Amino acid sequence: MEPISPFENENYFESTGTRCRYVRVPRVNSVIGKGAFGCVFLVQRESGTPGHSTDQRFALKRLHESQTKDMSSREIEALSTIHSPFVCGFVDAQIAGKPFIVMDYIPSMSLKHTITSLMEDRTHANRGNSTKGYLHERVIWKILADCLLGLYVMHKQEILHRDIKPSNIIDYVDENGDHIPCICDLGFARHRDNARMTLGIGTPGYRAPELFADQPYDTRVDVFALGVTILELLTTVNYLALKNDKTGLPPFLRVSEKKLQVISDQQPTALVPCSNDLLEVISMMLSTPERPRVSDLLATPPITGYAVFSLRWYLERTMTFNDSETVLRRQQCEEILGLLQKHELFGRIPEDRVSRRGSHALLHLDKRVMPPVDNEGGVY
């Protein structure tokens, strides 16, 4: 039986900053998520709230007091400036009293559900050459590029998410079957200059090595966690959550003959075949200390091509929209698109960069080959 959250019986939430009162949506199962650090409710503004529609629904995450003790009004203001189609829109937050954060509600499942479905499909699929239970690699590339676009906007405002994982990425599938990811749950998000950057934050199995030690960290902890997420999407297994019986550390991984392998005390176990390009990118995202930033990855083909495709898709789809949030999102997309098309999004990752298997290196690649994109950012 699923445990009951200590907040599960709460029915209303009041924001002293915006003077809005949120109530759980009646006559539905308004508990849409539960975890170790809070409970997520489907809410709407209370009837009679001046200047606001009461019909729109939101996702409100009720937080433990310990989760907001280091959150400042500066960070709340910074969260309100994040406008991206690949990050759930920030609506409101309350720090004192009953802390909570309110985000746009997207009626879809998370990448965690997608991974679970893939595992079930794979279990029932026939052995041999069956591809059932695997996402096409093009889909994985697109999900990676879209998540990087969302993180780019967050990091541009110097906000770290600090808890990227499959269950915190909404996987909306449109009428054409295209996957459109959206980063959600900003409960652990903090400004980069926060003087009390907590160690051990995030979820085990997705934390970057620097979060386990007394080391300073920056936006690249999100890159690491996204790399683990993409690896899990590729294999349906979080191998970094596994523990070695002798060392207590996750097993090393390596790439050989286009296959990912787990390195254990016994023979290496092949996991799933995929392109060297994708393994290359995952390797860079999990490397330490030479891990690239989001901007470096976006400027690296073939990610550039998928990012350009997604930005163009959003701009074309919202061409006739004129609400303020969409206008702000379009401005961000147009700015990033211009940088990508002109190849002005920072520097590219050096071709001769080598991943070294040290105490924290989780992937090792035999070769590094990145195909170019055309002048329009297209994918070959």
Protein backbone atom coordinates (compact mmCIF):
# COMPACT_ATOMS: atom_id res chain seq x y z
CA MET A 1 0.00 0.00 0.00
CA GLU A 2 1.35 3.41 -0.98
CA PRO A 3 2.35 5.54 2.02
CA ILE A 4 0.27 8.61 2.84
CA SER A 5 2.01 11.96 2.57
CA PRO A 6 1.82 14.15 5.71
CA PHE A 7 0.36 16.86 3.47
CA GLU A 8 -2.23 14.71 1.76
CA ASN A 9 -5.15 16.01 3.80
CA GLU A 10 -4.41 19.69 3.16
CA ASN A 11 -7.00 21.33 0.93
CA TYR A 12 -6.02 24.96 0.46
CA PHE A 13 -2.78 26.94 0.11
CA GLU A 14 -2.31 30.69 0.42
CA SER A 15 0.43 32.81 -1.13
CA THR A 16 1.20 35.93 0.87
CA GLY A 17 3.23 37.35 -2.03
CA THR A 18 0.55 37.26 -4.73
CA ARG A 19 -2.40 37.07 -2.30
CA CYS A 20 -3.73 34.11 -4.25
CA ARG A 21 -5.44 31.20 -2.57
CA TYR A 22 -5.20 27.83 -4.27
CA VAL A 23 -7.65 25.00 -3.64
CA ARG A 24 -7.53 21.38 -4.70
CA VAL A 25 -9.65 20.62 -7.76
CA PRO A 26 -12.87 19.02 -6.49
CA ARG A 27 -14.42 15.75 -7.64
CA VAL A 28 -11.14 14.38 -9.02
CA ASN A 29 -8.13 12.58 -7.57
CA SER A 30 -6.17 15.78 -7.00
CA VAL A 31 -3.03 14.04 -5.67
CA ILE A 32 -0.96 13.74 -8.84
CA GLY A 33 2.39 12.89 -7.28
CA LYS A 34 4.08 11.95 -4.01
CA GLY A 35 7.70 11.72 -2.98
CA ALA A 36 10.10 11.90 -0.08
CA PHE A 37 10.12 15.71 -0.09
CA GLY A 38 6.52 16.62 -0.78
CA CYS A 39 3.19 16.02 -2.40
CA VAL A 40 1.91 17.39 -5.73
CA PHE A 41 -1.72 18.49 -6.02
CA LEU A 42 -3.89 19.51 -8.93
CA VAL A 43 -5.20 22.93 -7.87
CA GLN A 44 -7.04 25.99 -9.13
CA ARG A 45 -7.37 29.50 -7.81
CA GLU A 46 -10.16 29.97 -5.34
CA SER A 47 -13.37 31.46 -6.69
CA GLY A 48 -13.39 35.21 -6.28
CA THR A 49 -9.63 35.70 -6.58
CA PRO A 50 -9.38 39.23 -8.05
CA GLY A 51 -7.65 39.64 -11.40
CA HIS A 52 -7.19 35.91 -12.02
CA SER A 53 -9.12 33.19 -13.80
CA THR A 54 -10.39 30.43 -11.53
CA ASP A 55 -10.74 27.86 -14.34
CA GLN A 56 -7.07 27.26 -15.06
CA ARG A 57 -5.46 24.29 -13.35
CA PHE A 58 -1.96 24.17 -11.89
CA ALA A 59 0.43 21.67 -10.32
CA LEU A 60 1.18 22.72 -6.74
CA LYS A 61 3.98 20.97 -4.89
CA ARG A 62 3.69 21.18 -1.12
CA LEU A 63 7.24 21.19 0.21
CA HIS A 64 8.85 20.20 3.48
CA GLU A 65 10.09 23.19 5.46
CA SER A 66 13.66 21.85 5.20
CA GLN A 67 13.45 22.17 1.42
CA THR A 68 12.85 25.93 1.45
CA LYS A 69 14.97 27.09 4.39
CA ASP A 70 17.71 28.33 2.04
CA MET A 71 15.39 29.66 -0.69
CA SER A 72 15.43 33.42 -1.05
CA SER A 73 13.10 35.96 -2.63
CA ARG A 74 15.87 36.52 -5.19
CA GLU A 75 15.51 32.93 -6.35
CA ILE A 76 11.72 33.22 -6.55
CA GLU A 77 12.19 36.27 -8.76
CA ALA A 78 14.73 34.43 -10.91
CA LEU A 79 12.37 31.45 -11.36
CA SER A 80 9.69 33.82 -12.62
CA THR A 81 12.02 34.94 -15.44
CA ILE A 82 12.38 31.43 -16.90
CA HIS A 83 10.33 31.28 -20.09
CA SER A 84 10.85 28.14 -22.17
CA PRO A 85 8.52 25.64 -23.85
CA PHE A 86 10.78 22.96 -22.35
CA VAL A 87 10.43 24.05 -18.70
CA CYS A 88 7.11 23.98 -16.86
CA GLY A 89 6.11 27.60 -16.37
CA PHE A 90 6.63 29.01 -12.87
CA VAL A 91 3.43 30.54 -11.44
CA ASP A 92 3.85 31.23 -7.73
CA ALA A 93 5.71 30.20 -4.58
CA GLN A 94 5.38 30.50 -0.84
CA ILE A 95 8.42 30.18 1.43
CA ALA A 96 7.12 30.89 4.92
CA GLY A 97 4.38 28.98 6.72
CA LYS A 98 3.20 26.15 4.48
CA PRO A 99 5.84 26.29 1.71
CA PHE A 100 4.86 25.35 -1.82
CA ILE A 101 5.67 26.04 -5.44
CA VAL A 102 3.08 26.37 -8.21
CA MET A 103 3.84 25.41 -11.82
CA ASP A 104 1.88 25.03 -15.03
CA TYR A 105 -0.03 21.76 -15.18
CA ILE A 106 0.72 19.50 -18.14
CA PRO A 107 -1.69 16.53 -18.37
CA SER A 108 0.89 13.94 -19.34
CA MET A 109 3.14 11.28 -17.84
CA SER A 110 6.84 11.58 -17.03
CA LEU A 111 9.87 10.01 -18.67
CA LYS A 112 9.89 7.58 -15.75
CA HIS A 113 6.55 6.21 -16.97
CA THR A 114 7.97 6.02 -20.51
CA ILE A 115 10.95 4.01 -19.25
CA THR A 116 8.69 1.67 -17.27
CA SER A 117 6.53 1.09 -20.36
CA LEU A 118 9.63 0.34 -22.42
CA MET A 119 10.76 -2.20 -19.82
CA GLU A 120 7.37 -3.92 -19.94
CA ASP A 121 7.39 -3.95 -23.74
CA ARG A 122 10.87 -5.39 -23.76
CA THR A 123 9.91 -8.11 -21.30
CA HIS A 124 7.09 -9.30 -23.56
CA ALA A 125 8.92 -8.80 -26.84
CA ASN A 126 10.34 -11.74 -28.76
CA ARG A 127 14.06 -12.31 -28.47
CA GLY A 128 16.38 -11.88 -31.42
CA ASN A 129 16.14 -8.87 -33.68
CA SER A 130 13.01 -7.35 -32.10
CA THR A 131 13.28 -3.59 -31.44
CA LYS A 132 10.17 -3.47 -29.27
CA GLY A 133 10.96 -1.88 -25.93
CA TYR A 134 13.49 0.57 -27.36
CA LEU A 135 12.97 4.16 -28.39
CA HIS A 136 14.28 5.05 -31.82
CA GLU A 137 17.58 6.84 -31.43
CA ARG A 138 16.17 9.92 -33.19
CA VAL A 139 13.62 10.22 -30.37
CA ILE A 140 16.37 10.08 -27.74
CA TRP A 141 18.38 12.75 -29.56
CA LYS A 142 15.34 15.02 -29.66
CA ILE A 143 14.53 14.53 -25.98
CA LEU A 144 18.16 15.30 -25.12
CA ALA A 145 18.22 18.45 -27.26
CA ASP A 146 14.91 19.73 -25.88
CA CYS A 147 15.99 19.19 -22.27
CA LEU A 148 19.25 21.03 -22.99
CA LEU A 149 17.24 23.94 -24.42
CA GLY A 150 15.23 24.08 -21.19
CA LEU A 151 18.34 23.92 -19.01
CA TYR A 152 20.01 26.59 -21.14
CA VAL A 153 17.28 29.09 -20.25
CA MET A 154 17.52 28.15 -16.55
CA HIS A 155 21.30 28.37 -16.47
CA LYS A 156 21.18 31.67 -18.32
CA GLN A 157 19.40 33.01 -15.23
CA GLU A 158 22.05 31.25 -13.09
CA ILE A 159 19.47 28.83 -11.69
CA LEU A 160 20.49 25.23 -11.01
CA HIS A 161 17.74 22.61 -11.04
CA ARG A 162 19.71 20.09 -8.91
CA ASP A 163 17.21 17.25 -9.24
CA ILE A 164 17.05 16.29 -12.92
CA LYS A 165 15.75 12.72 -13.29
CA PRO A 166 13.15 10.89 -15.41
CA SER A 167 10.28 11.52 -12.98
CA ASN A 168 10.99 15.28 -13.13
CA ILE A 169 10.69 15.48 -16.93
CA ILE A 170 7.20 15.45 -18.43
CA ASP A 171 7.05 13.39 -21.63
CA TYR A 172 4.23 14.88 -23.66
CA VAL A 173 3.50 13.01 -26.90
CA ASP A 174 1.64 15.09 -29.49
CA GLU A 175 -0.86 14.02 -32.14
CA ASN A 176 1.98 13.09 -34.50
CA GLY A 177 3.68 10.85 -31.96
CA ASP A 178 6.53 13.28 -31.34
CA HIS A 179 7.95 13.36 -27.82
CA ILE A 180 8.11 16.85 -26.28
CA PRO A 181 9.87 16.83 -22.89
CA CYS A 182 9.33 19.52 -20.29
CA ILE A 183 11.44 19.92 -17.14
CA CYS A 184 9.33 20.22 -14.00
CA ASP A 185 9.60 20.26 -10.18
CA LEU A 186 11.81 23.24 -9.31
CA GLY A 187 11.63 22.52 -5.57
CA PHE A 188 15.42 22.09 -5.31
CA ALA A 189 16.25 24.87 -7.79
CA ARG A 190 18.65 27.47 -6.41
CA HIS A 191 20.69 30.43 -7.62
CA ARG A 192 24.31 29.62 -8.45
CA ASP A 193 25.65 32.15 -5.93
CA ASN A 194 23.63 30.78 -3.03
CA ALA A 195 26.18 30.71 -0.19
CA ARG A 196 24.69 27.59 1.37
CA MET A 197 24.78 25.19 -1.55
CA THR A 198 23.76 21.97 0.15
CA LEU A 199 25.75 18.79 -0.34
CA GLY A 200 23.99 15.51 -1.07
CA ILE A 201 21.08 17.30 -2.70
CA GLY A 202 19.09 15.57 -5.42
CA THR A 203 18.27 11.91 -5.95
CA PRO A 204 20.71 9.00 -5.47
CA GLY A 205 21.64 7.50 -8.82
CA TYR A 206 21.54 10.90 -10.55
CA ARG A 207 23.85 12.99 -8.38
CA ALA A 208 27.11 14.22 -9.84
CA PRO A 209 30.30 13.07 -8.04
CA GLU A 210 30.96 16.58 -6.70
CA LEU A 211 27.68 16.42 -4.77
CA PHE A 212 29.06 13.53 -2.73
CA ALA A 213 32.20 15.38 -1.65
CA ASP A 214 33.02 18.70 -0.09
CA GLN A 215 33.59 20.34 -3.47
CA PRO A 216 32.10 23.44 -5.09
CA TYR A 217 29.64 22.73 -7.88
CA ASP A 218 27.95 24.64 -10.64
CA THR A 219 25.38 24.20 -13.42
CA ARG A 220 27.20 21.12 -14.70
CA VAL A 221 25.59 18.98 -11.98
CA ASP A 222 22.42 19.27 -14.11
CA VAL A 223 24.37 18.12 -17.17
CA PHE A 224 25.52 15.02 -15.30
CA ALA A 225 22.00 14.17 -14.09
CA LEU A 226 20.60 14.62 -17.59
CA GLY A 227 23.33 12.33 -18.93
CA VAL A 228 22.27 9.63 -16.47
CA THR A 229 18.63 10.17 -17.49
CA ILE A 230 19.42 9.78 -21.19
CA LEU A 231 21.46 6.66 -20.42
CA GLU A 232 18.49 5.23 -18.53
CA LEU A 233 16.17 6.14 -21.42
CA LEU A 234 18.51 4.26 -23.75
CA THR A 235 18.89 1.14 -21.59
CA THR A 236 15.83 1.34 -19.25
CA VAL A 237 18.21 0.71 -16.35
CA ASN A 238 19.84 3.22 -14.01
CA TYR A 239 23.25 1.58 -13.76
CA LEU A 240 24.61 4.39 -11.61
CA ALA A 241 22.16 3.43 -8.89
CA LEU A 242 23.78 -0.01 -8.68
CA LYS A 243 26.40 -0.58 -6.03
CA ASN A 244 29.58 -2.60 -6.23
CA ASP A 245 29.65 -5.09 -3.35
CA LYS A 246 33.30 -4.36 -2.61
CA THR A 247 33.57 -0.58 -3.08
CA GLY A 248 29.99 0.59 -2.62
CA LEU A 249 30.43 2.70 -5.76
CA PRO A 250 28.51 2.45 -9.04
CA PRO A 251 30.05 0.13 -11.63
CA PHE A 252 32.20 1.62 -14.36
CA LEU A 253 30.81 1.67 -17.87
CA ARG A 254 32.64 1.54 -21.15
CA VAL A 255 31.92 1.48 -24.84
CA SER A 256 33.21 -1.21 -27.14
CA GLU A 257 32.18 -1.92 -30.71
CA LYS A 258 29.20 0.46 -30.49
CA LYS A 259 27.82 -1.29 -27.41
CA LEU A 260 27.56 -0.05 -23.87
CA GLN A 261 29.02 -2.42 -21.31
CA VAL A 262 28.90 -2.71 -17.53
CA ILE A 263 32.33 -3.41 -16.09
CA SER A 264 32.05 -5.71 -13.08
CA ASP A 265 34.38 -8.16 -11.35
CA GLN A 266 33.28 -10.71 -13.91
CA GLN A 267 32.93 -10.44 -17.66
CA PRO A 268 31.58 -7.15 -19.07
CA THR A 269 27.88 -7.29 -19.99
CA ALA A 270 26.74 -5.70 -23.24
CA LEU A 271 23.61 -3.57 -22.87
CA VAL A 272 22.26 -1.99 -26.03
CA PRO A 273 23.68 -1.07 -29.43
CA CYS A 274 23.48 2.55 -30.54
CA SER A 275 25.53 5.08 -32.50
CA ASN A 276 28.97 6.16 -31.42
CA ASP A 277 27.73 9.76 -31.57
CA LEU A 278 25.16 9.24 -28.82
CA LEU A 279 27.58 7.30 -26.64
CA GLU A 280 30.09 10.05 -27.19
CA VAL A 281 27.75 12.71 -25.89
CA ILE A 282 26.71 10.61 -22.88
CA SER A 283 30.38 10.07 -22.09
CA MET A 284 31.08 13.79 -22.09
CA MET A 285 28.05 14.50 -19.90
CA LEU A 286 29.23 11.99 -17.29
CA SER A 287 32.89 12.96 -17.36
CA THR A 288 34.69 14.61 -14.45
CA PRO A 289 36.18 17.20 -14.20
CA GLU A 290 36.03 18.13 -17.91
CA ARG A 291 32.25 17.93 -18.16
CA PRO A 292 30.86 20.36 -20.77
CA ARG A 293 28.27 23.00 -20.04
CA VAL A 294 24.83 23.06 -21.63
CA SER A 295 25.94 25.70 -24.13
CA ASP A 296 28.87 23.52 -25.22
CA LEU A 297 26.56 20.58 -25.88
CA LEU A 298 24.02 22.66 -27.80
CA ALA A 299 26.82 23.88 -30.05
CA THR A 300 27.87 20.30 -30.77
CA PRO A 301 26.43 18.40 -33.73
CA PRO A 302 24.18 16.53 -34.07
CA ILE A 303 22.49 18.15 -31.03
CA THR A 304 22.49 21.49 -32.85
CA GLY A 305 20.33 20.09 -35.63
CA TYR A 306 17.73 18.62 -33.29
CA ALA A 307 17.64 21.82 -31.22
CA VAL A 308 17.08 23.93 -34.35
CA PHE A 309 14.28 21.58 -35.43
CA SER A 310 12.52 21.87 -32.04
CA LEU A 311 12.84 25.65 -31.91
CA ARG A 312 11.47 26.04 -35.42
CA TRP A 313 8.63 23.66 -34.59
CA TYR A 314 7.60 25.72 -31.54
CA LEU A 315 7.83 29.05 -33.36
CA GLU A 316 5.71 27.76 -36.23
CA ARG A 317 3.14 26.19 -33.91
CA THR A 318 2.69 29.36 -31.81
CA MET A 319 2.81 31.86 -34.66
CA THR A 320 -0.74 33.14 -33.98
CA PHE A 321 -0.54 33.09 -30.17
CA ASN A 322 -0.36 36.45 -28.43
CA ASP A 323 -0.61 35.71 -24.69
CA SER A 324 2.24 37.19 -22.65
CA GLU A 325 3.85 33.88 -21.63
CA THR A 326 3.99 32.56 -25.21
CA VAL A 327 5.42 35.86 -26.43
CA LEU A 328 8.23 35.63 -23.86
CA ARG A 329 8.91 32.00 -24.76
CA ARG A 330 9.03 32.86 -28.46
CA GLN A 331 11.55 35.61 -27.77
CA GLN A 332 13.83 33.16 -25.96
CA CYS A 333 13.47 30.59 -28.76
CA GLU A 334 14.22 33.15 -31.47
CA GLU A 335 17.33 34.31 -29.61
CA ILE A 336 18.69 30.78 -29.18
CA LEU A 337 17.77 29.84 -32.76
CA GLY A 338 19.72 32.82 -34.08
CA LEU A 339 22.79 31.85 -32.09
CA LEU A 340 22.62 28.23 -33.24
CA GLN A 341 22.13 29.05 -36.91
CA LYS A 342 25.02 31.49 -36.88
CA HIS A 343 27.20 29.02 -34.94
CA GLU A 344 27.63 31.71 -32.28
CA LEU A 345 26.54 29.69 -29.26
CA PHE A 346 29.88 29.70 -27.47
CA GLY A 347 32.75 27.39 -28.37
CA ARG A 348 32.58 23.88 -29.72
CA ILE A 349 33.94 20.93 -27.81
CA PRO A 350 37.47 20.12 -29.03
CA GLU A 351 37.61 17.10 -31.31
CA ASP A 352 40.66 15.72 -29.53
CA ARG A 353 39.05 15.82 -26.09
CA VAL A 354 39.61 12.45 -24.38
CA SER A 355 37.56 10.91 -21.55
CA ARG A 356 39.81 9.45 -18.87
CA ARG A 357 38.72 6.62 -16.62
CA GLY A 358 39.56 7.97 -13.20
CA SER A 359 37.86 7.47 -9.87
CA HIS A 360 34.80 9.36 -11.05
CA ALA A 361 34.83 8.71 -14.80
CA LEU A 362 31.81 6.59 -15.64
CA LEU A 363 32.24 6.10 -19.36
CA HIS A 364 35.22 5.44 -21.55
CA LEU A 365 35.15 5.69 -25.31
CA ASP A 366 37.54 4.16 -27.80
CA LYS A 367 36.77 6.70 -30.54
CA ARG A 368 35.34 10.22 -30.78
CA VAL A 369 33.62 11.04 -34.05
CA MET A 370 31.14 13.91 -34.29
CA PRO A 371 29.44 14.39 -37.69
CA PRO A 372 28.97 17.95 -38.89
CA VAL A 373 25.63 19.68 -39.43
CA ASP A 374 24.79 21.68 -42.52
CA ASN A 375 24.68 25.48 -42.58
CA GLU A 376 20.99 25.45 -41.70
CA GLY A 377 21.53 23.28 -38.63
CA GLY A 378 20.08 20.20 -40.29
CA VAL A 379 20.84 16.67 -39.20
CA TYR A 380 22.54 14.38 -41.66
